[in-house]
Full PDB file with SEQRES, HELIX, SHEET, SSBOND, CRYST1, ORIGX, SCALE, CONECT and MASTER records, all heavy atoms in Angstrom:
SEQRES   1 A   41  ALA TRP ILE ALA MET GLN LEU LEU MET ARG ARG PRO GLU          
SEQRES   2 A   41  ILE ARG GLY PHE ILE SER VAL ALA PRO PRO ALA ASN MET          
SEQRES   3 A   41  TYR ASP PHE SER PHE LEU ALA PRO CYS PRO SER SER GLY          
SEQRES   4 A   41  ILE LEU                                                      
HELIX    1 AA1 TRP A    2  ARG A   10  1                                   9    
SHEET    1 AA1 2 GLY A  16  ILE A  18  0                                        
SHEET    2 AA1 2 SER A  38  ILE A  40  1                                        
CRYST1    1.000    1.000    1.000  90.00  90.00  90.00 P 1           1          
ORIGX1      1.000000  0.000000  0.000000        0.00000                         
ORIGX2      0.000000  1.000000  0.000000        0.00000                         
ORIGX3      0.000000  0.000000  1.000000        0.00000                         
SCALE1      1.000000  0.000000  0.000000        0.00000                         
SCALE2      0.000000  1.000000  0.000000        0.00000                         
SCALE3      0.000000  0.000000  1.000000        0.00000                         
ATOM      1  N   ALA A   1      13.412 -59.869  82.648  1.00  0.00           N  
ATOM      2  CA  ALA A   1      14.888 -60.163  82.260  1.00  0.00           C  
ATOM      3  C   ALA A   1      15.734 -59.220  83.062  1.00  0.00           C  
ATOM      4  O   ALA A   1      16.809 -59.562  83.545  1.00  0.00           O  
ATOM      5  CB  ALA A   1      14.996 -59.955  80.848  1.00  0.00           C  
ATOM      6  N   TRP A   2      15.356 -57.931  83.101  1.00  0.00           N  
ATOM      7  CA  TRP A   2      16.106 -56.870  83.812  1.00  0.00           C  
ATOM      8  C   TRP A   2      16.171 -57.243  85.371  1.00  0.00           C  
ATOM      9  O   TRP A   2      17.298 -57.252  85.992  1.00  0.00           O  
ATOM     10  CB  TRP A   2      15.562 -55.532  83.683  1.00  0.00           C  
ATOM     11  CG  TRP A   2      16.166 -54.435  84.500  1.00  0.00           C  
ATOM     12  CD1 TRP A   2      17.568 -54.013  84.277  1.00  0.00           C  
ATOM     13  CD2 TRP A   2      15.544 -53.425  85.401  1.00  0.00           C  
ATOM     14  NE1 TRP A   2      17.792 -52.909  85.128  1.00  0.00           N  
ATOM     15  CE2 TRP A   2      16.638 -52.521  85.772  1.00  0.00           C  
ATOM     16  CE3 TRP A   2      14.433 -53.329  85.816  1.00  0.00           C  
ATOM     17  CZ2 TRP A   2      16.409 -51.587  86.676  1.00  0.00           C  
ATOM     18  CZ3 TRP A   2      14.024 -52.376  86.596  1.00  0.00           C  
ATOM     19  CH2 TRP A   2      15.009 -51.431  87.177  1.00  0.00           C  
ATOM     20  N   ILE A   3      15.028 -57.537  85.860  1.00  0.00           N  
ATOM     21  CA  ILE A   3      15.050 -57.958  87.388  1.00  0.00           C  
ATOM     22  C   ILE A   3      15.865 -59.312  87.522  1.00  0.00           C  
ATOM     23  O   ILE A   3      16.607 -59.407  88.506  1.00  0.00           O  
ATOM     24  CB  ILE A   3      13.498 -58.290  87.805  1.00  0.00           C  
ATOM     25  CG1 ILE A   3      12.800 -56.907  87.726  1.00  0.00           C  
ATOM     26  CG2 ILE A   3      13.587 -58.817  89.133  1.00  0.00           C  
ATOM     27  CD1 ILE A   3      13.225 -55.806  88.620  1.00  0.00           C  
ATOM     28  N   ALA A   4      15.708 -60.269  86.584  1.00  0.00           N  
ATOM     29  CA  ALA A   4      16.400 -61.572  86.633  1.00  0.00           C  
ATOM     30  C   ALA A   4      17.991 -61.321  86.706  1.00  0.00           C  
ATOM     31  O   ALA A   4      18.718 -61.919  87.445  1.00  0.00           O  
ATOM     32  CB  ALA A   4      16.094 -62.437  85.561  1.00  0.00           C  
ATOM     33  N   MET A   5      18.450 -60.349  85.946  1.00  0.00           N  
ATOM     34  CA  MET A   5      19.861 -60.162  85.857  1.00  0.00           C  
ATOM     35  C   MET A   5      20.331 -59.515  87.140  1.00  0.00           C  
ATOM     36  O   MET A   5      21.379 -59.733  87.603  1.00  0.00           O  
ATOM     37  CB  MET A   5      20.271 -59.301  84.659  1.00  0.00           C  
ATOM     38  CG  MET A   5      19.821 -59.980  83.265  1.00  0.00           C  
ATOM     39  SD  MET A   5      20.656 -61.469  82.820  1.00  0.00           S  
ATOM     40  CE  MET A   5      22.036 -60.829  82.050  1.00  0.00           C  
ATOM     41  N   GLN A   6      19.574 -58.635  87.705  1.00  0.00           N  
ATOM     42  CA  GLN A   6      19.790 -58.013  89.038  1.00  0.00           C  
ATOM     43  C   GLN A   6      19.931 -59.089  90.107  1.00  0.00           C  
ATOM     44  O   GLN A   6      20.813 -59.024  90.990  1.00  0.00           O  
ATOM     45  CB  GLN A   6      18.877 -57.025  89.429  1.00  0.00           C  
ATOM     46  CG  GLN A   6      19.028 -55.790  88.535  1.00  0.00           C  
ATOM     47  CD  GLN A   6      17.926 -54.699  88.899  1.00  0.00           C  
ATOM     48  OE1 GLN A   6      18.195 -53.992  89.947  1.00  0.00           O  
ATOM     49  NE2 GLN A   6      16.981 -54.482  88.111  1.00  0.00           N  
ATOM     50  N   LEU A   7      18.998 -60.045  90.199  1.00  0.00           N  
ATOM     51  CA  LEU A   7      19.052 -61.132  91.141  1.00  0.00           C  
ATOM     52  C   LEU A   7      20.159 -61.922  90.881  1.00  0.00           C  
ATOM     53  O   LEU A   7      20.783 -62.427  91.982  1.00  0.00           O  
ATOM     54  CB  LEU A   7      17.692 -61.945  90.927  1.00  0.00           C  
ATOM     55  CG  LEU A   7      17.416 -62.985  91.983  1.00  0.00           C  
ATOM     56  CD1 LEU A   7      17.142 -62.343  93.353  1.00  0.00           C  
ATOM     57  CD2 LEU A   7      16.295 -63.880  91.571  1.00  0.00           C  
ATOM     58  N   LEU A   8      20.525 -62.180  89.768  1.00  0.00           N  
ATOM     59  CA  LEU A   8      21.817 -62.910  89.450  1.00  0.00           C  
ATOM     60  C   LEU A   8      23.022 -62.421  90.104  1.00  0.00           C  
ATOM     61  O   LEU A   8      23.925 -63.121  90.629  1.00  0.00           O  
ATOM     62  CB  LEU A   8      21.988 -62.942  87.799  1.00  0.00           C  
ATOM     63  CG  LEU A   8      23.143 -63.625  87.289  1.00  0.00           C  
ATOM     64  CD1 LEU A   8      22.910 -65.114  87.260  1.00  0.00           C  
ATOM     65  CD2 LEU A   8      23.310 -63.076  85.762  1.00  0.00           C  
ATOM     66  N   MET A   9      23.128 -61.156  90.191  1.00  0.00           N  
ATOM     67  CA  MET A   9      24.306 -60.418  90.904  1.00  0.00           C  
ATOM     68  C   MET A   9      24.178 -60.571  92.398  1.00  0.00           C  
ATOM     69  O   MET A   9      25.257 -60.582  93.017  1.00  0.00           O  
ATOM     70  CB  MET A   9      24.172 -58.940  90.477  1.00  0.00           C  
ATOM     71  CG  MET A   9      24.470 -58.544  89.123  1.00  0.00           C  
ATOM     72  SD  MET A   9      26.105 -59.189  88.566  1.00  0.00           S  
ATOM     73  CE  MET A   9      27.203 -58.137  89.619  1.00  0.00           C  
ATOM     74  N   ARG A  10      23.131 -60.820  92.926  1.00  0.00           N  
ATOM     75  CA  ARG A  10      22.890 -60.853  94.443  1.00  0.00           C  
ATOM     76  C   ARG A  10      22.970 -62.335  94.941  1.00  0.00           C  
ATOM     77  O   ARG A  10      22.964 -62.517  96.193  1.00  0.00           O  
ATOM     78  CB  ARG A  10      21.696 -60.251  94.808  1.00  0.00           C  
ATOM     79  CG  ARG A  10      21.790 -58.770  94.618  1.00  0.00           C  
ATOM     80  CD  ARG A  10      20.263 -58.054  94.666  1.00  0.00           C  
ATOM     81  NE  ARG A  10      20.424 -56.671  94.672  1.00  0.00           N  
ATOM     82  CZ  ARG A  10      20.848 -55.809  93.700  1.00  0.00           C  
ATOM     83  NH1 ARG A  10      21.185 -56.325  92.542  1.00  0.00           N  
ATOM     84  NH2 ARG A  10      20.857 -54.475  93.823  1.00  0.00           N  
ATOM     85  N   ARG A  11      22.767 -63.282  94.017  1.00  0.00           N  
ATOM     86  CA  ARG A  11      22.602 -64.651  94.538  1.00  0.00           C  
ATOM     87  C   ARG A  11      23.625 -65.765  93.871  1.00  0.00           C  
ATOM     88  O   ARG A  11      23.454 -66.043  92.752  1.00  0.00           O  
ATOM     89  CB  ARG A  11      21.173 -65.190  94.221  1.00  0.00           C  
ATOM     90  CG  ARG A  11      20.166 -64.316  94.788  1.00  0.00           C  
ATOM     91  CD  ARG A  11      20.125 -64.229  96.472  1.00  0.00           C  
ATOM     92  NE  ARG A  11      19.561 -65.563  97.014  1.00  0.00           N  
ATOM     93  CZ  ARG A  11      18.391 -65.555  97.469  1.00  0.00           C  
ATOM     94  NH1 ARG A  11      17.570 -64.541  97.601  1.00  0.00           N  
ATOM     95  NH2 ARG A  11      17.875 -66.800  98.028  1.00  0.00           N  
ATOM     96  N   PRO A  12      24.717 -65.830  94.456  1.00  0.00           N  
ATOM     97  CA  PRO A  12      25.754 -66.556  93.895  1.00  0.00           C  
ATOM     98  C   PRO A  12      25.393 -68.122  93.555  1.00  0.00           C  
ATOM     99  O   PRO A  12      26.115 -68.743  92.661  1.00  0.00           O  
ATOM    100  CB  PRO A  12      26.815 -66.637  94.953  1.00  0.00           C  
ATOM    101  CG  PRO A  12      26.192 -66.292  96.160  1.00  0.00           C  
ATOM    102  CD  PRO A  12      25.025 -65.436  95.886  1.00  0.00           C  
ATOM    103  N   GLU A  13      24.284 -68.597  93.996  1.00  0.00           N  
ATOM    104  CA  GLU A  13      23.805 -69.880  93.742  1.00  0.00           C  
ATOM    105  C   GLU A  13      23.293 -70.051  92.324  1.00  0.00           C  
ATOM    106  O   GLU A  13      23.042 -71.183  91.830  1.00  0.00           O  
ATOM    107  CB  GLU A  13      22.813 -70.396  94.793  1.00  0.00           C  
ATOM    108  CG  GLU A  13      21.459 -69.847  94.917  1.00  0.00           C  
ATOM    109  CD  GLU A  13      21.408 -68.547  95.721  1.00  0.00           C  
ATOM    110  OE1 GLU A  13      22.431 -67.895  96.014  1.00  0.00           O  
ATOM    111  OE2 GLU A  13      20.360 -68.344  96.237  1.00  0.00           O  
ATOM    112  N   ILE A  14      22.991 -68.787  91.701  1.00  0.00           N  
ATOM    113  CA  ILE A  14      22.399 -68.924  90.293  1.00  0.00           C  
ATOM    114  C   ILE A  14      23.567 -69.219  89.316  1.00  0.00           C  
ATOM    115  O   ILE A  14      24.477 -68.475  89.339  1.00  0.00           O  
ATOM    116  CB  ILE A  14      21.723 -67.558  89.995  1.00  0.00           C  
ATOM    117  CG1 ILE A  14      20.400 -67.452  91.018  1.00  0.00           C  
ATOM    118  CG2 ILE A  14      21.186 -67.537  88.574  1.00  0.00           C  
ATOM    119  CD1 ILE A  14      19.722 -66.060  90.725  1.00  0.00           C  
ATOM    120  N   ARG A  15      23.324 -70.292  88.616  1.00  0.00           N  
ATOM    121  CA  ARG A  15      24.433 -70.707  87.754  1.00  0.00           C  
ATOM    122  C   ARG A  15      24.141 -70.596  86.232  1.00  0.00           C  
ATOM    123  O   ARG A  15      24.948 -70.849  85.356  1.00  0.00           O  
ATOM    124  CB  ARG A  15      24.807 -72.234  88.065  1.00  0.00           C  
ATOM    125  CG  ARG A  15      25.282 -72.470  89.375  1.00  0.00           C  
ATOM    126  CD  ARG A  15      26.509 -71.574  89.814  1.00  0.00           C  
ATOM    127  NE  ARG A  15      27.476 -71.438  88.892  1.00  0.00           N  
ATOM    128  CZ  ARG A  15      28.300 -70.376  88.606  1.00  0.00           C  
ATOM    129  NH1 ARG A  15      27.904 -69.127  89.163  1.00  0.00           N  
ATOM    130  NH2 ARG A  15      29.205 -70.265  87.766  1.00  0.00           N  
ATOM    131  N   GLY A  16      22.905 -70.207  85.807  1.00  0.00           N  
ATOM    132  CA  GLY A  16      22.521 -70.037  84.510  1.00  0.00           C  
ATOM    133  C   GLY A  16      21.422 -69.125  84.462  1.00  0.00           C  
ATOM    134  O   GLY A  16      20.573 -69.053  85.256  1.00  0.00           O  
ATOM    135  N   PHE A  17      21.285 -68.349  83.220  1.00  0.00           N  
ATOM    136  CA  PHE A  17      20.169 -67.418  83.030  1.00  0.00           C  
ATOM    137  C   PHE A  17      19.715 -67.504  81.644  1.00  0.00           C  
ATOM    138  O   PHE A  17      20.451 -67.798  80.704  1.00  0.00           O  
ATOM    139  CB  PHE A  17      20.475 -66.065  83.456  1.00  0.00           C  
ATOM    140  CG  PHE A  17      21.477 -65.469  82.575  1.00  0.00           C  
ATOM    141  CD1 PHE A  17      21.272 -64.688  81.370  1.00  0.00           C  
ATOM    142  CD2 PHE A  17      22.919 -65.319  82.985  1.00  0.00           C  
ATOM    143  CE1 PHE A  17      22.076 -64.097  80.653  1.00  0.00           C  
ATOM    144  CE2 PHE A  17      23.927 -64.677  82.063  1.00  0.00           C  
ATOM    145  CZ  PHE A  17      23.369 -64.088  80.895  1.00  0.00           C  
ATOM    146  N   ILE A  18      18.436 -67.295  81.391  1.00  0.00           N  
ATOM    147  CA  ILE A  18      17.821 -66.976  80.129  1.00  0.00           C  
ATOM    148  C   ILE A  18      17.174 -65.547  80.122  1.00  0.00           C  
ATOM    149  O   ILE A  18      16.307 -65.279  80.989  1.00  0.00           O  
ATOM    150  CB  ILE A  18      16.837 -68.018  79.720  1.00  0.00           C  
ATOM    151  CG1 ILE A  18      17.547 -69.321  79.683  1.00  0.00           C  
ATOM    152  CG2 ILE A  18      16.197 -67.746  78.471  1.00  0.00           C  
ATOM    153  CD1 ILE A  18      16.602 -70.571  79.396  1.00  0.00           C  
ATOM    154  N   SER A  19      17.644 -64.647  79.272  1.00  0.00           N  
ATOM    155  CA  SER A  19      17.149 -63.375  79.293  1.00  0.00           C  
ATOM    156  C   SER A  19      16.546 -63.083  77.822  1.00  0.00           C  
ATOM    157  O   SER A  19      17.242 -63.024  76.791  1.00  0.00           O  
ATOM    158  CB  SER A  19      18.395 -62.324  79.438  1.00  0.00           C  
ATOM    159  OG  SER A  19      18.051 -61.005  79.544  1.00  0.00           O  
ATOM    160  N   VAL A  20      15.100 -63.015  77.877  1.00  0.00           N  
ATOM    161  CA  VAL A  20      14.443 -62.775  76.562  1.00  0.00           C  
ATOM    162  C   VAL A  20      14.073 -61.294  76.450  1.00  0.00           C  
ATOM    163  O   VAL A  20      13.451 -60.751  77.344  1.00  0.00           O  
ATOM    164  CB  VAL A  20      13.206 -63.741  76.573  1.00  0.00           C  
ATOM    165  CG1 VAL A  20      12.368 -63.345  75.355  1.00  0.00           C  
ATOM    166  CG2 VAL A  20      13.568 -65.205  76.635  1.00  0.00           C  
ATOM    167  N   ALA A  21      14.448 -60.760  75.320  1.00  0.00           N  
ATOM    168  CA  ALA A  21      14.164 -59.321  75.053  1.00  0.00           C  
ATOM    169  C   ALA A  21      14.582 -58.409  76.129  1.00  0.00           C  
ATOM    170  O   ALA A  21      13.757 -57.602  76.602  1.00  0.00           O  
ATOM    171  CB  ALA A  21      12.618 -59.155  74.731  1.00  0.00           C  
ATOM    172  N   PRO A  22      15.787 -58.506  76.651  1.00  0.00           N  
ATOM    173  CA  PRO A  22      16.229 -57.701  77.782  1.00  0.00           C  
ATOM    174  C   PRO A  22      16.100 -56.130  77.350  1.00  0.00           C  
ATOM    175  O   PRO A  22      16.580 -55.837  76.225  1.00  0.00           O  
ATOM    176  CB  PRO A  22      17.594 -58.056  78.024  1.00  0.00           C  
ATOM    177  CG  PRO A  22      18.163 -58.676  76.891  1.00  0.00           C  
ATOM    178  CD  PRO A  22      16.902 -59.396  76.280  1.00  0.00           C  
ATOM    179  N   PRO A  23      15.561 -55.257  78.105  1.00  0.00           N  
ATOM    180  CA  PRO A  23      15.297 -53.900  77.701  1.00  0.00           C  
ATOM    181  C   PRO A  23      16.507 -53.080  77.898  1.00  0.00           C  
ATOM    182  O   PRO A  23      16.603 -52.072  78.739  1.00  0.00           O  
ATOM    183  CB  PRO A  23      14.068 -53.468  78.552  1.00  0.00           C  
ATOM    184  CG  PRO A  23      14.175 -54.318  79.777  1.00  0.00           C  
ATOM    185  CD  PRO A  23      14.775 -55.597  79.362  1.00  0.00           C  
ATOM    186  N   ALA A  24      17.611 -53.343  77.105  1.00  0.00           N  
ATOM    187  CA  ALA A  24      18.952 -52.762  77.354  1.00  0.00           C  
ATOM    188  C   ALA A  24      18.980 -51.206  77.028  1.00  0.00           C  
ATOM    189  O   ALA A  24      19.960 -50.615  77.474  1.00  0.00           O  
ATOM    190  CB  ALA A  24      19.974 -53.399  76.472  1.00  0.00           C  
ATOM    191  N   ASN A  25      17.945 -50.768  76.323  1.00  0.00           N  
ATOM    192  CA  ASN A  25      17.940 -49.367  75.902  1.00  0.00           C  
ATOM    193  C   ASN A  25      17.175 -48.489  76.943  1.00  0.00           C  
ATOM    194  O   ASN A  25      17.197 -47.363  76.999  1.00  0.00           O  
ATOM    195  CB  ASN A  25      17.283 -49.131  74.601  1.00  0.00           C  
ATOM    196  CG  ASN A  25      15.817 -49.700  74.576  1.00  0.00           C  
ATOM    197  OD1 ASN A  25      15.579 -50.667  75.227  1.00  0.00           O  
ATOM    198  ND2 ASN A  25      14.931 -49.065  73.721  1.00  0.00           N  
ATOM    199  N   MET A  26      16.258 -49.237  77.877  1.00  0.00           N  
ATOM    200  CA  MET A  26      15.518 -48.552  78.772  1.00  0.00           C  
ATOM    201  C   MET A  26      16.058 -48.547  80.240  1.00  0.00           C  
ATOM    202  O   MET A  26      15.632 -47.682  81.118  1.00  0.00           O  
ATOM    203  CB  MET A  26      14.126 -49.322  78.802  1.00  0.00           C  
ATOM    204  CG  MET A  26      13.374 -49.336  77.603  1.00  0.00           C  
ATOM    205  SD  MET A  26      11.838 -50.194  77.804  1.00  0.00           S  
ATOM    206  CE  MET A  26      11.140 -49.994  76.231  1.00  0.00           C  
ATOM    207  N   TYR A  27      16.889 -49.595  80.560  1.00  0.00           N  
ATOM    208  CA  TYR A  27      17.307 -49.626  81.920  1.00  0.00           C  
ATOM    209  C   TYR A  27      18.814 -49.880  81.877  1.00  0.00           C  
ATOM    210  O   TYR A  27      19.413 -50.269  80.930  1.00  0.00           O  
ATOM    211  CB  TYR A  27      16.688 -50.922  82.652  1.00  0.00           C  
ATOM    212  CG  TYR A  27      15.286 -50.844  82.832  1.00  0.00           C  
ATOM    213  CD1 TYR A  27      14.418 -51.588  82.051  1.00  0.00           C  
ATOM    214  CD2 TYR A  27      14.746 -50.117  83.941  1.00  0.00           C  
ATOM    215  CE1 TYR A  27      13.059 -51.492  82.231  1.00  0.00           C  
ATOM    216  CE2 TYR A  27      13.293 -50.038  83.999  1.00  0.00           C  
ATOM    217  CZ  TYR A  27      12.572 -50.721  83.262  1.00  0.00           C  
ATOM    218  OH  TYR A  27      11.111 -50.657  83.340  1.00  0.00           O  
ATOM    219  N   ASP A  28      19.470 -49.451  82.958  1.00  0.00           N  
ATOM    220  CA  ASP A  28      20.904 -49.499  83.129  1.00  0.00           C  
ATOM    221  C   ASP A  28      21.265 -50.975  83.464  1.00  0.00           C  
ATOM    222  O   ASP A  28      20.853 -51.484  84.691  1.00  0.00           O  
ATOM    223  CB  ASP A  28      21.278 -48.460  84.190  1.00  0.00           C  
ATOM    224  CG  ASP A  28      22.835 -48.496  84.429  1.00  0.00           C  
ATOM    225  OD1 ASP A  28      23.520 -49.093  83.552  1.00  0.00           O  
ATOM    226  OD2 ASP A  28      23.299 -47.698  85.260  1.00  0.00           O  
ATOM    227  N   PHE A  29      22.014 -51.523  82.715  1.00  0.00           N  
ATOM    228  CA  PHE A  29      22.626 -52.937  82.979  1.00  0.00           C  
ATOM    229  C   PHE A  29      24.028 -52.894  83.404  1.00  0.00           C  
ATOM    230  O   PHE A  29      24.677 -53.976  83.442  1.00  0.00           O  
ATOM    231  CB  PHE A  29      22.481 -53.732  81.734  1.00  0.00           C  
ATOM    232  CG  PHE A  29      21.082 -54.367  81.487  1.00  0.00           C  
ATOM    233  CD1 PHE A  29      20.064 -53.570  80.943  1.00  0.00           C  
ATOM    234  CD2 PHE A  29      20.739 -55.694  81.708  1.00  0.00           C  
ATOM    235  CE1 PHE A  29      18.830 -54.045  80.738  1.00  0.00           C  
ATOM    236  CE2 PHE A  29      19.465 -56.199  81.600  1.00  0.00           C  
ATOM    237  CZ  PHE A  29      18.539 -55.398  81.095  1.00  0.00           C  
ATOM    238  N   SER A  30      24.524 -51.664  83.726  1.00  0.00           N  
ATOM    239  CA  SER A  30      26.048 -51.647  84.118  1.00  0.00           C  
ATOM    240  C   SER A  30      26.357 -52.310  85.442  1.00  0.00           C  
ATOM    241  O   SER A  30      27.448 -52.565  85.664  1.00  0.00           O  
ATOM    242  CB  SER A  30      26.434 -50.121  84.298  1.00  0.00           C  
ATOM    243  OG  SER A  30      25.700 -49.573  85.291  1.00  0.00           O  
ATOM    244  N   PHE A  31      25.224 -52.716  86.271  1.00  0.00           N  
ATOM    245  CA  PHE A  31      25.555 -53.491  87.324  1.00  0.00           C  
ATOM    246  C   PHE A  31      26.261 -54.978  87.038  1.00  0.00           C  
ATOM    247  O   PHE A  31      26.667 -55.603  87.961  1.00  0.00           O  
ATOM    248  CB  PHE A  31      24.202 -53.718  88.221  1.00  0.00           C  
ATOM    249  CG  PHE A  31      23.030 -54.320  87.485  1.00  0.00           C  
ATOM    250  CD1 PHE A  31      23.182 -55.737  87.271  1.00  0.00           C  
ATOM    251  CD2 PHE A  31      22.212 -53.728  86.856  1.00  0.00           C  
ATOM    252  CE1 PHE A  31      22.039 -56.366  86.612  1.00  0.00           C  
ATOM    253  CE2 PHE A  31      21.120 -54.332  86.160  1.00  0.00           C  
ATOM    254  CZ  PHE A  31      21.080 -55.557  86.001  1.00  0.00           C  
ATOM    255  N   LEU A  32      26.029 -55.286  85.805  1.00  0.00           N  
ATOM    256  CA  LEU A  32      26.644 -56.632  85.445  1.00  0.00           C  
ATOM    257  C   LEU A  32      28.090 -56.574  85.276  1.00  0.00           C  
ATOM    258  O   LEU A  32      28.600 -56.686  84.207  1.00  0.00           O  
ATOM    259  CB  LEU A  32      25.937 -57.141  84.164  1.00  0.00           C  
ATOM    260  CG  LEU A  32      24.484 -57.585  84.354  1.00  0.00           C  
ATOM    261  CD1 LEU A  32      23.845 -57.772  82.914  1.00  0.00           C  
ATOM    262  CD2 LEU A  32      24.294 -58.781  85.129  1.00  0.00           C  
ATOM    263  N   ALA A  33      28.783 -56.234  86.356  1.00  0.00           N  
ATOM    264  CA  ALA A  33      30.288 -56.025  86.236  1.00  0.00           C  
ATOM    265  C   ALA A  33      30.927 -56.554  87.630  1.00  0.00           C  
ATOM    266  O   ALA A  33      31.033 -55.983  88.555  1.00  0.00           O  
ATOM    267  CB  ALA A  33      30.513 -54.494  86.199  1.00  0.00           C  
ATOM    268  N   PRO A  34      31.413 -57.738  87.430  1.00  0.00           N  
ATOM    269  CA  PRO A  34      31.338 -58.674  86.265  1.00  0.00           C  
ATOM    270  C   PRO A  34      30.048 -59.513  86.430  1.00  0.00           C  
ATOM    271  O   PRO A  34      29.512 -59.766  87.530  1.00  0.00           O  
ATOM    272  CB  PRO A  34      32.556 -59.579  86.291  1.00  0.00           C  
ATOM    273  CG  PRO A  34      32.816 -59.544  87.843  1.00  0.00           C  
ATOM    274  CD  PRO A  34      32.348 -58.269  88.448  1.00  0.00           C  
ATOM    275  N   CYS A  35      29.520 -60.071  85.176  1.00  0.00           N  
ATOM    276  CA  CYS A  35      28.363 -60.949  85.111  1.00  0.00           C  
ATOM    277  C   CYS A  35      28.847 -62.294  85.755  1.00  0.00           C  
ATOM    278  O   CYS A  35      29.820 -62.771  85.227  1.00  0.00           O  
ATOM    279  CB  CYS A  35      27.875 -61.104  83.770  1.00  0.00           C  
ATOM    280  SG  CYS A  35      26.494 -62.253  83.714  1.00  0.00           S  
ATOM    281  N   PRO A  36      28.268 -62.830  86.916  1.00  0.00           N  
ATOM    282  CA  PRO A  36      28.817 -63.935  87.460  1.00  0.00           C  
ATOM    283  C   PRO A  36      28.414 -65.337  86.909  1.00  0.00           C  
ATOM    284  O   PRO A  36      29.033 -66.372  87.233  1.00  0.00           O  
ATOM    285  CB  PRO A  36      28.180 -63.862  88.866  1.00  0.00           C  
ATOM    286  CG  PRO A  36      26.835 -63.225  88.626  1.00  0.00           C  
ATOM    287  CD  PRO A  36      27.134 -62.229  87.504  1.00  0.00           C  
ATOM    288  N   SER A  37      27.739 -65.415  85.916  1.00  0.00           N  
ATOM    289  CA  SER A  37      27.215 -66.676  85.343  1.00  0.00           C  
ATOM    290  C   SER A  37      26.970 -66.618  83.905  1.00  0.00           C  
ATOM    291  O   SER A  37      26.812 -65.631  83.291  1.00  0.00           O  
ATOM    292  CB  SER A  37      25.791 -67.099  86.076  1.00  0.00           C  
ATOM    293  OG  SER A  37      25.821 -67.112  87.413  1.00  0.00           O  
ATOM    294  N   SER A  38      27.101 -67.740  83.292  1.00  0.00           N  
ATOM    295  CA  SER A  38      26.881 -67.922  81.844  1.00  0.00           C  
ATOM    296  C   SER A  38      25.367 -67.949  81.541  1.00  0.00           C  
ATOM    297  O   SER A  38      24.618 -68.379  82.406  1.00  0.00           O  
ATOM    298  CB  SER A  38      27.538 -69.280  81.321  1.00  0.00           C  
ATOM    299  OG  SER A  38      28.981 -69.143  81.482  1.00  0.00           O  
ATOM    300  N   GLY A  39      25.001 -67.493  80.367  1.00  0.00           N  
ATOM    301  CA  GLY A  39      23.590 -67.676  79.975  1.00  0.00           C  
ATOM    302  C   GLY A  39      23.417 -67.218  78.540  1.00  0.00           C  
ATOM    303  O   GLY A  39      24.415 -67.068  77.734  1.00  0.00           O  
ATOM    304  N   ILE A  40      22.123 -67.068  78.226  1.00  0.00           N  
ATOM    305  CA  ILE A  40      21.871 -66.678  76.878  1.00  0.00           C  
ATOM    306  C   ILE A  40      20.891 -65.479  76.826  1.00  0.00           C  
ATOM    307  O   ILE A  40      19.980 -65.306  77.669  1.00  0.00           O  
ATOM    308  CB  ILE A  40      21.101 -67.840  76.060  1.00  0.00           C  
ATOM    309  CG1 ILE A  40      20.847 -67.446  74.555  1.00  0.00           C  
ATOM    310  CG2 ILE A  40      19.824 -68.370  76.746  1.00  0.00           C  
ATOM    311  CD1 ILE A  40      20.448 -68.762  73.816  1.00  0.00           C  
ATOM    312  N   LEU A  41      21.128 -64.602  75.910  1.00  0.00           N  
ATOM    313  CA  LEU A  41      20.149 -63.419  75.581  1.00  0.00           C  
ATOM    314  C   LEU A  41      19.552 -63.755  74.272  1.00  0.00           C  
ATOM    315  O   LEU A  41      20.219 -63.936  73.270  1.00  0.00           O  
ATOM    316  CB  LEU A  41      20.961 -62.214  75.647  1.00  0.00           C  
ATOM    317  CG  LEU A  41      21.528 -61.630  76.915  1.00  0.00           C  
ATOM    318  CD1 LEU A  41      22.855 -62.318  77.138  1.00  0.00           C  
ATOM    319  CD2 LEU A  41      21.588 -60.156  77.029  1.00  0.00           C  
TER     320      LEU A  41                                                      
MASTER        0    0    0    1    2    0    0    6  319    1    0    4          
END                                                                             
């Protein structure tokens, strides 16, 4: 999920994401600024 969210930032063609059990306490997710697509966690 962490890798998927990083890919999302680099590929504008990605229009949706599903993030299961994202390790928000282990990795820095601050790169999601702004998050370019809608999705579910």
